[in-house]
Full PDB file with SEQRES, HELIX, SHEET, SSBOND, CRYST1, ORIGX, SCALE, CONECT and MASTER records, all heavy atoms in Angstrom:
SEQRES   1 A   42  LEU TYR SER ARG PRO LYS ASN ARG PHE VAL ALA GLY PHE          
SEQRES   2 A   42  ILE GLY SER PRO ALA MET ASN LEU ILE ASP VAL ASP VAL          
SEQRES   3 A   42  SER GLY ASP ARG GLY LEU LYS LEU GLY ASP LEU ASP VAL          
SEQRES   4 A   42  PRO LEU SER                                                  
HELIX    1 AA1 ARG A    8  PHE A   13  1                                   6    
SHEET    1 AA1 2 LYS A  33  LEU A  34  0                                        
SHEET    2 AA1 2 LEU A  37  ASP A  38 -1                                        
CRYST1    1.000    1.000    1.000  90.00  90.00  90.00 P 1           1          
ORIGX1      1.000000  0.000000  0.000000        0.00000                         
ORIGX2      0.000000  1.000000  0.000000        0.00000                         
ORIGX3      0.000000  0.000000  1.000000        0.00000                         
SCALE1      1.000000  0.000000  0.000000        0.00000                         
SCALE2      0.000000  1.000000  0.000000        0.00000                         
SCALE3      0.000000  0.000000  1.000000        0.00000                         
ATOM      1  N   LEU A   1      64.842-135.619  18.982  1.00  0.00           N  
ATOM      2  CA  LEU A   1      64.821-136.776  18.080  1.00  0.00           C  
ATOM      3  C   LEU A   1      63.778-137.790  18.535  1.00  0.00           C  
ATOM      4  O   LEU A   1      63.082-138.380  17.715  1.00  0.00           O  
ATOM      5  CB  LEU A   1      66.194-137.445  18.040  1.00  0.00           C  
ATOM      6  CG  LEU A   1      67.250-136.900  17.090  1.00  0.00           C  
ATOM      7  CD1 LEU A   1      68.539-137.689  17.260  1.00  0.00           C  
ATOM      8  CD2 LEU A   1      66.783-136.957  15.649  1.00  0.00           C  
ATOM      9  N   TYR A   2      63.692-137.985  19.839  1.00  0.00           N  
ATOM     10  CA  TYR A   2      62.780-138.987  20.384  1.00  0.00           C  
ATOM     11  C   TYR A   2      61.326-138.526  20.307  1.00  0.00           C  
ATOM     12  O   TYR A   2      60.435-139.304  19.952  1.00  0.00           O  
ATOM     13  CB  TYR A   2      63.165-139.287  21.832  1.00  0.00           C  
ATOM     14  CG  TYR A   2      62.457-140.477  22.420  1.00  0.00           C  
ATOM     15  CD1 TYR A   2      62.925-141.771  22.184  1.00  0.00           C  
ATOM     16  CD2 TYR A   2      61.332-140.328  23.220  1.00  0.00           C  
ATOM     17  CE1 TYR A   2      62.284-142.872  22.734  1.00  0.00           C  
ATOM     18  CE2 TYR A   2      60.684-141.418  23.761  1.00  0.00           C  
ATOM     19  CZ  TYR A   2      61.157-142.689  23.515  1.00  0.00           C  
ATOM     20  OH  TYR A   2      60.517-143.786  24.045  1.00  0.00           O  
ATOM     21  N   SER A   3      61.095-137.260  20.635  1.00  0.00           N  
ATOM     22  CA  SER A   3      59.716-136.778  20.745  1.00  0.00           C  
ATOM     23  C   SER A   3      59.164-136.207  19.448  1.00  0.00           C  
ATOM     24  O   SER A   3      57.949-136.173  19.253  1.00  0.00           O  
ATOM     25  CB  SER A   3      59.621-135.713  21.841  1.00  0.00           C  
ATOM     26  OG  SER A   3      60.420-134.591  21.525  1.00  0.00           O  
ATOM     27  N   ARG A   4      60.054-135.763  18.534  1.00  0.00           N  
ATOM     28  CA  ARG A   4      59.590-135.139  17.291  1.00  0.00           C  
ATOM     29  C   ARG A   4      60.424-135.621  16.098  1.00  0.00           C  
ATOM     30  O   ARG A   4      61.097-134.819  15.449  1.00  0.00           O  
ATOM     31  CB  ARG A   4      59.665-133.618  17.405  1.00  0.00           C  
ATOM     32  CG  ARG A   4      58.743-133.033  18.458  1.00  0.00           C  
ATOM     33  CD  ARG A   4      59.096-131.580  18.732  1.00  0.00           C  
ATOM     34  NE  ARG A   4      58.959-130.755  17.536  1.00  0.00           N  
ATOM     35  CZ  ARG A   4      57.831-130.160  17.175  1.00  0.00           C  
ATOM     36  NH1 ARG A   4      56.744-130.326  17.905  1.00  0.00           N  
ATOM     37  NH2 ARG A   4      57.786-129.406  16.114  1.00  0.00           N  
ATOM     38  N   PRO A   5      60.413-136.911  15.824  1.00  0.00           N  
ATOM     39  CA  PRO A   5      61.190-137.405  14.672  1.00  0.00           C  
ATOM     40  C   PRO A   5      60.712-136.768  13.374  1.00  0.00           C  
ATOM     41  O   PRO A   5      59.499-136.633  13.149  1.00  0.00           O  
ATOM     42  CB  PRO A   5      60.941-138.917  14.688  1.00  0.00           C  
ATOM     43  CG  PRO A   5      59.667-139.086  15.455  1.00  0.00           C  
ATOM     44  CD  PRO A   5      59.631-137.987  16.470  1.00  0.00           C  
ATOM     45  N   LYS A   6      61.662-136.404  12.526  1.00  0.00           N  
ATOM     46  CA  LYS A   6      61.336-135.651  11.310  1.00  0.00           C  
ATOM     47  C   LYS A   6      60.644-136.511  10.268  1.00  0.00           C  
ATOM     48  O   LYS A   6      59.851-136.030   9.462  1.00  0.00           O  
ATOM     49  CB  LYS A   6      62.616-135.054  10.726  1.00  0.00           C  
ATOM     50  CG  LYS A   6      62.421-134.192   9.509  1.00  0.00           C  
ATOM     51  CD  LYS A   6      63.758-133.652   9.004  1.00  0.00           C  
ATOM     52  CE  LYS A   6      63.581-132.835   7.733  1.00  0.00           C  
ATOM     53  NZ  LYS A   6      64.891-132.347   7.215  1.00  0.00           N  
ATOM     54  N   ASN A   7      60.962-137.801  10.239  1.00  0.00           N  
ATOM     55  CA  ASN A   7      60.361-138.667   9.225  1.00  0.00           C  
ATOM     56  C   ASN A   7      60.204-140.089   9.768  1.00  0.00           C  
ATOM     57  O   ASN A   7      60.612-140.386  10.898  1.00  0.00           O  
ATOM     58  CB  ASN A   7      61.186-138.658   7.934  1.00  0.00           C  
ATOM     59  CG  ASN A   7      62.638-139.053   8.166  1.00  0.00           C  
ATOM     60  OD1 ASN A   7      62.936-139.952   8.933  1.00  0.00           O  
ATOM     61  ND2 ASN A   7      63.554-138.358   7.488  1.00  0.00           N  
ATOM     62  N   ARG A   8      59.626-140.934   8.944  1.00  0.00           N  
ATOM     63  CA  ARG A   8      59.323-142.307   9.372  1.00  0.00           C  
ATOM     64  C   ARG A   8      60.597-143.076   9.701  1.00  0.00           C  
ATOM     65  O   ARG A   8      60.624-143.855  10.659  1.00  0.00           O  
ATOM     66  CB  ARG A   8      58.532-143.012   8.274  1.00  0.00           C  
ATOM     67  CG  ARG A   8      58.245-144.469   8.598  1.00  0.00           C  
ATOM     68  CD  ARG A   8      57.350-145.139   7.598  1.00  0.00           C  
ATOM     69  NE  ARG A   8      57.267-146.572   7.889  1.00  0.00           N  
ATOM     70  CZ  ARG A   8      56.227-147.332   7.645  1.00  0.00           C  
ATOM     71  NH1 ARG A   8      55.146-146.800   7.103  1.00  0.00           N  
ATOM     72  NH2 ARG A   8      56.237-148.615   7.934  1.00  0.00           N  
ATOM     73  N   PHE A   9      61.682-142.858   8.951  1.00  0.00           N  
ATOM     74  CA  PHE A   9      62.913-143.592   9.223  1.00  0.00           C  
ATOM     75  C   PHE A   9      63.442-143.266  10.616  1.00  0.00           C  
ATOM     76  O   PHE A   9      63.775-144.159  11.396  1.00  0.00           O  
ATOM     77  CB  PHE A   9      63.985-143.290   8.179  1.00  0.00           C  
ATOM     78  CG  PHE A   9      65.307-143.917   8.528  1.00  0.00           C  
ATOM     79  CD1 PHE A   9      65.531-145.262   8.284  1.00  0.00           C  
ATOM     80  CD2 PHE A   9      66.305-143.182   9.147  1.00  0.00           C  
ATOM     81  CE1 PHE A   9      66.725-145.870   8.651  1.00  0.00           C  
ATOM     82  CE2 PHE A   9      67.499-143.774   9.516  1.00  0.00           C  
ATOM     83  CZ  PHE A   9      67.713-145.115   9.261  1.00  0.00           C  
ATOM     84  N   VAL A  10      63.537-141.986  10.930  1.00  0.00           N  
ATOM     85  CA  VAL A  10      64.053-141.582  12.243  1.00  0.00           C  
ATOM     86  C   VAL A  10      63.147-142.118  13.341  1.00  0.00           C  
ATOM     87  O   VAL A  10      63.615-142.606  14.378  1.00  0.00           O  
ATOM     88  CB  VAL A  10      64.176-140.051  12.328  1.00  0.00           C  
ATOM     89  CG1 VAL A  10      64.607-139.625  13.730  1.00  0.00           C  
ATOM     90  CG2 VAL A  10      65.168-139.525  11.291  1.00  0.00           C  
ATOM     91  N   ALA A  11      61.836-142.060  13.133  1.00  0.00           N  
ATOM     92  CA  ALA A  11      60.882-142.549  14.121  1.00  0.00           C  
ATOM     93  C   ALA A  11      61.104-144.029  14.422  1.00  0.00           C  
ATOM     94  O   ALA A  11      61.053-144.462  15.574  1.00  0.00           O  
ATOM     95  CB  ALA A  11      59.458-142.325  13.632  1.00  0.00           C  
ATOM     96  N   GLY A  12      61.356-144.816  13.384  1.00  0.00           N  
ATOM     97  CA  GLY A  12      61.538-146.245  13.569  1.00  0.00           C  
ATOM     98  C   GLY A  12      62.915-146.623  14.076  1.00  0.00           C  
ATOM     99  O   GLY A  12      63.092-147.671  14.694  1.00  0.00           O  
ATOM    100  N   PHE A  13      63.907-145.755  13.832  1.00  0.00           N  
ATOM    101  CA  PHE A  13      65.286-146.088  14.222  1.00  0.00           C  
ATOM    102  C   PHE A  13      65.601-145.649  15.642  1.00  0.00           C  
ATOM    103  O   PHE A  13      66.309-146.334  16.375  1.00  0.00           O  
ATOM    104  CB  PHE A  13      66.276-145.446  13.247  1.00  0.00           C  
ATOM    105  CG  PHE A  13      67.697-145.872  13.483  1.00  0.00           C  
ATOM    106  CD1 PHE A  13      68.145-147.105  13.037  1.00  0.00           C  
ATOM    107  CD2 PHE A  13      68.582-145.059  14.174  1.00  0.00           C  
ATOM    108  CE1 PHE A  13      69.443-147.524  13.281  1.00  0.00           C  
ATOM    109  CE2 PHE A  13      69.882-145.453  14.413  1.00  0.00           C  
ATOM    110  CZ  PHE A  13      70.322-146.691  13.963  1.00  0.00           C  
ATOM    111  N   ILE A  14      65.101-144.490  16.039  1.00  0.00           N  
ATOM    112  CA  ILE A  14      65.413-143.949  17.363  1.00  0.00           C  
ATOM    113  C   ILE A  14      64.410-144.451  18.387  1.00  0.00           C  
ATOM    114  O   ILE A  14      63.203-144.320  18.220  1.00  0.00           O  
ATOM    115  CB  ILE A  14      65.418-142.403  17.330  1.00  0.00           C  
ATOM    116  CG1 ILE A  14      66.559-141.895  16.436  1.00  0.00           C  
ATOM    117  CG2 ILE A  14      65.524-141.830  18.735  1.00  0.00           C  
ATOM    118  CD1 ILE A  14      67.948-142.226  16.928  1.00  0.00           C  
ATOM    119  N   GLY A  15      64.932-144.989  19.472  1.00  0.00           N  
ATOM    120  CA  GLY A  15      64.082-145.523  20.533  1.00  0.00           C  
ATOM    121  C   GLY A  15      64.250-147.025  20.670  1.00  0.00           C  
ATOM    122  O   GLY A  15      64.364-147.740  19.671  1.00  0.00           O  
ATOM    123  N   SER A  16      64.302-147.502  21.911  1.00  0.00           N  
ATOM    124  CA  SER A  16      64.430-148.941  22.155  1.00  0.00           C  
ATOM    125  C   SER A  16      63.499-149.329  23.299  1.00  0.00           C  
ATOM    126  O   SER A  16      63.661-148.843  24.429  1.00  0.00           O  
ATOM    127  CB  SER A  16      65.872-149.300  22.515  1.00  0.00           C  
ATOM    128  OG  SER A  16      66.009-150.677  22.750  1.00  0.00           O  
ATOM    129  N   PRO A  17      62.496-150.157  23.008  1.00  0.00           N  
ATOM    130  CA  PRO A  17      62.184-150.774  21.717  1.00  0.00           C  
ATOM    131  C   PRO A  17      61.676-149.740  20.719  1.00  0.00           C  
ATOM    132  O   PRO A  17      61.363-148.612  21.078  1.00  0.00           O  
ATOM    133  CB  PRO A  17      61.112-151.801  22.061  1.00  0.00           C  
ATOM    134  CG  PRO A  17      60.446-151.238  23.271  1.00  0.00           C  
ATOM    135  CD  PRO A  17      61.535-150.558  24.058  1.00  0.00           C  
ATOM    136  N   ALA A  18      61.611-150.167  19.470  1.00  0.00           N  
ATOM    137  CA  ALA A  18      61.260-149.248  18.397  1.00  0.00           C  
ATOM    138  C   ALA A  18      59.803-148.795  18.483  1.00  0.00           C  
ATOM    139  O   ALA A  18      58.948-149.467  19.065  1.00  0.00           O  
ATOM    140  CB  ALA A  18      61.508-149.916  17.042  1.00  0.00           C  
ATOM    141  N   MET A  19      59.556-147.640  17.877  1.00  0.00           N  
ATOM    142  CA  MET A  19      58.191-147.130  17.768  1.00  0.00           C  
ATOM    143  C   MET A  19      57.340-148.084  16.933  1.00  0.00           C  
ATOM    144  O   MET A  19      57.814-148.663  15.949  1.00  0.00           O  
ATOM    145  CB  MET A  19      58.228-145.746  17.101  1.00  0.00           C  
ATOM    146  CG  MET A  19      56.872-145.092  16.930  1.00  0.00           C  
ATOM    147  SD  MET A  19      56.952-143.522  16.022  1.00  0.00           S  
ATOM    148  CE  MET A  19      57.732-142.451  17.223  1.00  0.00           C  
ATOM    149  N   ASN A  20      56.088-148.267  17.329  1.00  0.00           N  
ATOM    150  CA  ASN A  20      55.136-148.990  16.484  1.00  0.00           C  
ATOM    151  C   ASN A  20      54.784-148.101  15.292  1.00  0.00           C  
ATOM    152  O   ASN A  20      54.375-146.948  15.471  1.00  0.00           O  
ATOM    153  CB  ASN A  20      53.852-149.290  17.269  1.00  0.00           C  
ATOM    154  CG  ASN A  20      54.080-150.261  18.416  1.00  0.00           C  
ATOM    155  OD1 ASN A  20      54.347-151.432  18.200  1.00  0.00           O  
ATOM    156  ND2 ASN A  20      53.987-149.758  19.644  1.00  0.00           N  
ATOM    157  N   LEU A  21      54.959-148.598  14.094  1.00  0.00           N  
ATOM    158  CA  LEU A  21      54.630-147.861  12.878  1.00  0.00           C  
ATOM    159  C   LEU A  21      53.533-148.632  12.149  1.00  0.00           C  
ATOM    160  O   LEU A  21      53.742-149.769  11.716  1.00  0.00           O  
ATOM    161  CB  LEU A  21      55.864-147.692  11.998  1.00  0.00           C  
ATOM    162  CG  LEU A  21      56.976-146.815  12.589  1.00  0.00           C  
ATOM    163  CD1 LEU A  21      58.230-146.879  11.728  1.00  0.00           C  
ATOM    164  CD2 LEU A  21      56.505-145.371  12.743  1.00  0.00           C  
ATOM    165  N   ILE A  22      52.367-148.004  12.010  1.00  0.00           N  
ATOM    166  CA  ILE A  22      51.181-148.691  11.491  1.00  0.00           C  
ATOM    167  C   ILE A  22      50.656-147.949  10.277  1.00  0.00           C  
ATOM    168  O   ILE A  22      50.374-146.743  10.351  1.00  0.00           O  
ATOM    169  CB  ILE A  22      50.083-148.770  12.572  1.00  0.00           C  
ATOM    170  CG1 ILE A  22      50.629-149.472  13.832  1.00  0.00           C  
ATOM    171  CG2 ILE A  22      48.852-149.482  12.052  1.00  0.00           C  
ATOM    172  CD1 ILE A  22      50.549-148.655  15.082  1.00  0.00           C  
ATOM    173  N   ASP A  23      50.541-148.643   9.158  1.00  0.00           N  
ATOM    174  CA  ASP A  23      50.003-148.034   7.938  1.00  0.00           C  
ATOM    175  C   ASP A  23      48.485-147.867   8.070  1.00  0.00           C  
ATOM    176  O   ASP A  23      47.780-148.776   8.533  1.00  0.00           O  
ATOM    177  CB  ASP A  23      50.314-148.910   6.724  1.00  0.00           C  
ATOM    178  CG  ASP A  23      51.806-148.935   6.403  1.00  0.00           C  
ATOM    179  OD1 ASP A  23      52.484-147.936   6.708  1.00  0.00           O  
ATOM    180  OD2 ASP A  23      52.280-149.944   5.855  1.00  0.00           O  
ATOM    181  N   VAL A  24      47.992-146.700   7.664  1.00  0.00           N  
ATOM    182  CA  VAL A  24      46.555-146.428   7.711  1.00  0.00           C  
ATOM    183  C   VAL A  24      46.141-145.758   6.403  1.00  0.00           C  
ATOM    184  O   VAL A  24      46.919-145.023   5.803  1.00  0.00           O  
ATOM    185  CB  VAL A  24      46.179-145.514   8.898  1.00  0.00           C  
ATOM    186  CG1 VAL A  24      46.405-146.216  10.210  1.00  0.00           C  
ATOM    187  CG2 VAL A  24      46.956-144.208   8.846  1.00  0.00           C  
ATOM    188  N   ASP A  25      44.943-146.052   5.967  1.00  0.00           N  
ATOM    189  CA  ASP A  25      44.388-145.390   4.778  1.00  0.00           C  
ATOM    190  C   ASP A  25      43.552-144.209   5.240  1.00  0.00           C  
ATOM    191  O   ASP A  25      42.623-144.370   6.043  1.00  0.00           O  
ATOM    192  CB  ASP A  25      43.513-146.364   3.971  1.00  0.00           C  
ATOM    193  CG  ASP A  25      44.348-147.398   3.248  1.00  0.00           C  
ATOM    194  OD1 ASP A  25      45.405-147.024   2.713  1.00  0.00           O  
ATOM    195  OD2 ASP A  25      43.945-148.578   3.225  1.00  0.00           O  
ATOM    196  N   VAL A  26      43.899-143.028   4.741  1.00  0.00           N  
ATOM    197  CA  VAL A  26      43.117-141.837   5.041  1.00  0.00           C  
ATOM    198  C   VAL A  26      42.249-141.537   3.837  1.00  0.00           C  
ATOM    199  O   VAL A  26      42.746-141.259   2.745  1.00  0.00           O  
ATOM    200  CB  VAL A  26      44.025-140.636   5.352  1.00  0.00           C  
ATOM    201  CG1 VAL A  26      43.193-139.372   5.559  1.00  0.00           C  
ATOM    202  CG2 VAL A  26      44.850-140.917   6.603  1.00  0.00           C  
ATOM    203  N   SER A  27      40.933-141.619   4.038  1.00  0.00           N  
ATOM    204  CA  SER A  27      39.987-141.374   2.943  1.00  0.00           C  
ATOM    205  C   SER A  27      39.443-139.953   3.065  1.00  0.00           C  
ATOM    206  O   SER A  27      39.941-139.132   3.834  1.00  0.00           O  
ATOM    207  CB  SER A  27      38.852-142.396   2.988  1.00  0.00           C  
ATOM    208  OG  SER A  27      38.196-142.331   4.236  1.00  0.00           O  
ATOM    209  N   GLY A  28      38.412-139.661   2.313  1.00  0.00           N  
ATOM    210  CA  GLY A  28      37.853-138.317   2.298  1.00  0.00           C  
ATOM    211  C   GLY A  28      37.327-137.860   3.631  1.00  0.00           C  
ATOM    212  O   GLY A  28      37.298-136.667   3.927  1.00  0.00           O  
ATOM    213  N   ASP A  29      36.892-138.806   4.493  1.00  0.00           N  
ATOM    214  CA  ASP A  29      36.359-138.378   5.786  1.00  0.00           C  
ATOM    215  C   ASP A  29      37.464-138.192   6.829  1.00  0.00           C  
ATOM    216  O   ASP A  29      37.197-137.897   7.988  1.00  0.00           O  
ATOM    217  CB  ASP A  29      35.338-139.389   6.305  1.00  0.00           C  
ATOM    218  CG  ASP A  29      35.950-140.780   6.483  1.00  0.00           C  
ATOM    219  OD1 ASP A  29      37.181-140.930   6.301  1.00  0.00           O  
ATOM    220  OD2 ASP A  29      35.190-141.702   6.816  1.00  0.00           O  
ATOM    221  N   ARG A  30      38.735-138.376   6.386  1.00  0.00           N  
ATOM    222  CA  ARG A  30      39.898-138.173   7.236  1.00  0.00           C  
ATOM    223  C   ARG A  30      39.920-139.098   8.458  1.00  0.00           C  
ATOM    224  O   ARG A  30      40.566-138.798   9.461  1.00  0.00           O  
ATOM    225  CB  ARG A  30      39.981-136.714   7.732  1.00  0.00           C  
ATOM    226  CG  ARG A  30      40.054-135.680   6.628  1.00  0.00           C  
ATOM    227  CD  ARG A  30      41.406-135.772   5.897  1.00  0.00           C  
ATOM    228  NE  ARG A  30      41.615-134.606   5.053  1.00  0.00           N  
ATOM    229  CZ  ARG A  30      41.297-134.522   3.772  1.00  0.00           C  
ATOM    230  NH1 ARG A  30      40.708-135.558   3.207  1.00  0.00           N  
ATOM    231  NH2 ARG A  30      41.544-133.439   3.060  1.00  0.00           N  
ATOM    232  N   GLY A  31      39.218-140.206   8.385  1.00  0.00           N  
ATOM    233  CA  GLY A  31      39.176-141.100   9.533  1.00  0.00           C  
ATOM    234  C   GLY A  31      40.509-141.795   9.757  1.00  0.00           C  
ATOM    235  O   GLY A  31      41.109-142.316   8.824  1.00  0.00           O  
ATOM    236  N   LEU A  32      40.961-141.800  11.002  1.00  0.00           N  
ATOM    237  CA  LEU A  32      42.203-142.480  11.379  1.00  0.00           C  
ATOM    238  C   LEU A  32      41.891-143.444  12.507  1.00  0.00           C  
ATOM    239  O   LEU A  32      41.452-143.028  13.589  1.00  0.00           O  
ATOM    240  CB  LEU A  32      43.252-141.469  11.858  1.00  0.00           C  
ATOM    241  CG  LEU A  32      44.163-140.812  10.816  1.00  0.00           C  
ATOM    242  CD1 LEU A  32      45.132-139.871  11.509  1.00  0.00           C  
ATOM    243  CD2 LEU A  32      44.922-141.852  10.033  1.00  0.00           C  
ATOM    244  N   LYS A  33      42.137-144.733  12.255  1.00  0.00           N  
ATOM    245  CA  LYS A  33      41.851-145.729  13.284  1.00  0.00           C  
ATOM    246  C   LYS A  33      42.990-146.734  13.401  1.00  0.00           C  
ATOM    247  O   LYS A  33      43.629-147.093  12.407  1.00  0.00           O  
ATOM    248  CB  LYS A  33      40.552-146.481  12.958  1.00  0.00           C  
ATOM    249  CG  LYS A  33      39.283-145.674  13.225  1.00  0.00           C  
ATOM    250  CD  LYS A  33      38.045-146.530  13.009  1.00  0.00           C  
ATOM    251  CE  LYS A  33      36.777-145.763  13.385  1.00  0.00           C  
ATOM    252  NZ  LYS A  33      36.709-145.503  14.848  1.00  0.00           N  
ATOM    253  N   LEU A  34      43.237-147.164  14.643  1.00  0.00           N  
ATOM    254  CA  LEU A  34      44.112-148.294  14.920  1.00  0.00           C  
ATOM    255  C   LEU A  34      43.208-149.394  15.446  1.00  0.00           C  
ATOM    256  O   LEU A  34      42.698-149.306  16.575  1.00  0.00           O  
ATOM    257  CB  LEU A  34      45.170-147.928  15.946  1.00  0.00           C  
ATOM    258  CG  LEU A  34      46.002-149.100  16.503  1.00  0.00           C  
ATOM    259  CD1 LEU A  34      46.770-149.801  15.390  1.00  0.00           C  
ATOM    260  CD2 LEU A  34      46.936-148.627  17.599  1.00  0.00           C  
ATOM    261  N   GLY A  35      42.977-150.417  14.634  1.00  0.00           N  
ATOM    262  CA  GLY A  35      41.981-151.411  14.998  1.00  0.00           C  
ATOM    263  C   GLY A  35      40.630-150.742  15.133  1.00  0.00           C  
ATOM    264  O   GLY A  35      40.135-150.098  14.207  1.00  0.00           O  
ATOM    265  N   ASP A  36      40.024-150.843  16.319  1.00  0.00           N  
ATOM    266  CA  ASP A  36      38.737-150.197  16.585  1.00  0.00           C  
ATOM    267  C   ASP A  36      38.888-148.803  17.190  1.00  0.00           C  
ATOM    268  O   ASP A  36      37.897-148.134  17.468  1.00  0.00           O  
ATOM    269  CB  ASP A  36      37.917-151.055  17.561  1.00  0.00           C  
ATOM    270  CG  ASP A  36      37.578-152.407  16.966  1.00  0.00           C  
ATOM    271  OD1 ASP A  36      37.545-152.508  15.723  1.00  0.00           O  
ATOM    272  OD2 ASP A  36      37.362-153.354  17.745  1.00  0.00           O  
ATOM    273  N   LEU A  37      40.142-148.359  17.419  1.00  0.00           N  
ATOM    274  CA  LEU A  37      40.376-147.115  18.142  1.00  0.00           C  
ATOM    275  C   LEU A  37      40.535-145.918  17.206  1.00  0.00           C  
ATOM    276  O   LEU A  37      41.217-146.012  16.173  1.00  0.00           O  
ATOM    277  CB  LEU A  37      41.676-147.219  18.962  1.00  0.00           C  
ATOM    278  CG  LEU A  37      41.668-148.038  20.247  1.00  0.00           C  
ATOM    279  CD1 LEU A  37      43.074-148.101  20.808  1.00  0.00           C  
ATOM    280  CD2 LEU A  37      40.726-147.433  21.264  1.00  0.00           C  
ATOM    281  N   ASP A  38      39.944-144.803  17.571  1.00  0.00           N  
ATOM    282  CA  ASP A  38      40.258-143.547  16.908  1.00  0.00           C  
ATOM    283  C   ASP A  38      41.651-143.112  17.346  1.00  0.00           C  
ATOM    284  O   ASP A  38      41.972-143.129  18.546  1.00  0.00           O  
ATOM    285  CB  ASP A  38      39.247-142.457  17.290  1.00  0.00           C  
ATOM    286  CG  ASP A  38      37.866-142.720  16.689  1.00  0.00           C  
ATOM    287  OD1 ASP A  38      37.817-143.213  15.546  1.00  0.00           O  
ATOM    288  OD2 ASP A  38      36.868-142.434  17.369  1.00  0.00           O  
ATOM    289  N   VAL A  39      42.487-142.740  16.377  1.00  0.00           N  
ATOM    290  CA  VAL A  39      43.853-142.333  16.693  1.00  0.00           C  
ATOM    291  C   VAL A  39      43.849-140.887  17.186  1.00  0.00           C  
ATOM    292  O   VAL A  39      43.412-139.986  16.464  1.00  0.00           O  
ATOM    293  CB  VAL A  39      44.764-142.466  15.459  1.00  0.00           C  
ATOM    294  CG1 VAL A  39      46.162-141.943  15.775  1.00  0.00           C  
ATOM    295  CG2 VAL A  39      44.836-143.926  15.010  1.00  0.00           C  
ATOM    296  N   PRO A  40      44.322-140.623  18.413  1.00  0.00           N  
ATOM    297  CA  PRO A  40      44.350-139.247  18.914  1.00  0.00           C  
ATOM    298  C   PRO A  40      45.507-138.475  18.286  1.00  0.00           C  
ATOM    299  O   PRO A  40      46.642-138.963  18.236  1.00  0.00           O  
ATOM    300  CB  PRO A  40      44.564-139.424  20.423  1.00  0.00           C  
ATOM    301  CG  PRO A  40      45.296-140.721  20.551  1.00  0.00           C  
ATOM    302  CD  PRO A  40      44.820-141.593  19.415  1.00  0.00           C  
ATOM    303  N   LEU A  41      45.230-137.268  17.785  1.00  0.00           N  
ATOM    304  CA  LEU A  41      46.241-136.418  17.177  1.00  0.00           C  
ATOM    305  C   LEU A  41      46.268-135.076  17.900  1.00  0.00           C  
ATOM    306  O   LEU A  41      45.240-134.601  18.391  1.00  0.00           O  
ATOM    307  CB  LEU A  41      45.932-136.194  15.698  1.00  0.00           C  
ATOM    308  CG  LEU A  41      45.866-137.432  14.802  1.00  0.00           C  
ATOM    309  CD1 LEU A  41      45.437-137.040  13.397  1.00  0.00           C  
ATOM    310  CD2 LEU A  41      47.207-138.162  14.767  1.00  0.00           C  
ATOM    311  N   SER A  42      47.449-134.466  17.958  1.00  0.00           N  
ATOM    312  CA  SER A  42      47.537-133.123  18.525  1.00  0.00           C  
ATOM    313  C   SER A  42      46.770-132.157  17.619  1.00  0.00           C  
ATOM    314  O   SER A  42      46.557-132.438  16.430  1.00  0.00           O  
ATOM    315  CB  SER A  42      48.992-132.692  18.636  1.00  0.00           C  
ATOM    316  OG  SER A  42      49.545-132.486  17.350  1.00  0.00           O  
TER     317      SER A  42                                                      
MASTER        0    0    0    1    2    0    0    6  316    1    0    4          
END                                                                             
């Protein structure tokens, strides 16, 4: 539950303090950024 939450609700509910949940727009170039940072994905 902690490491692989199935959806956004579980991700935000499980864990103390809560997971940071940040809305991002994914455009055609598939760019994902948090502020100036590229978001690392598996």
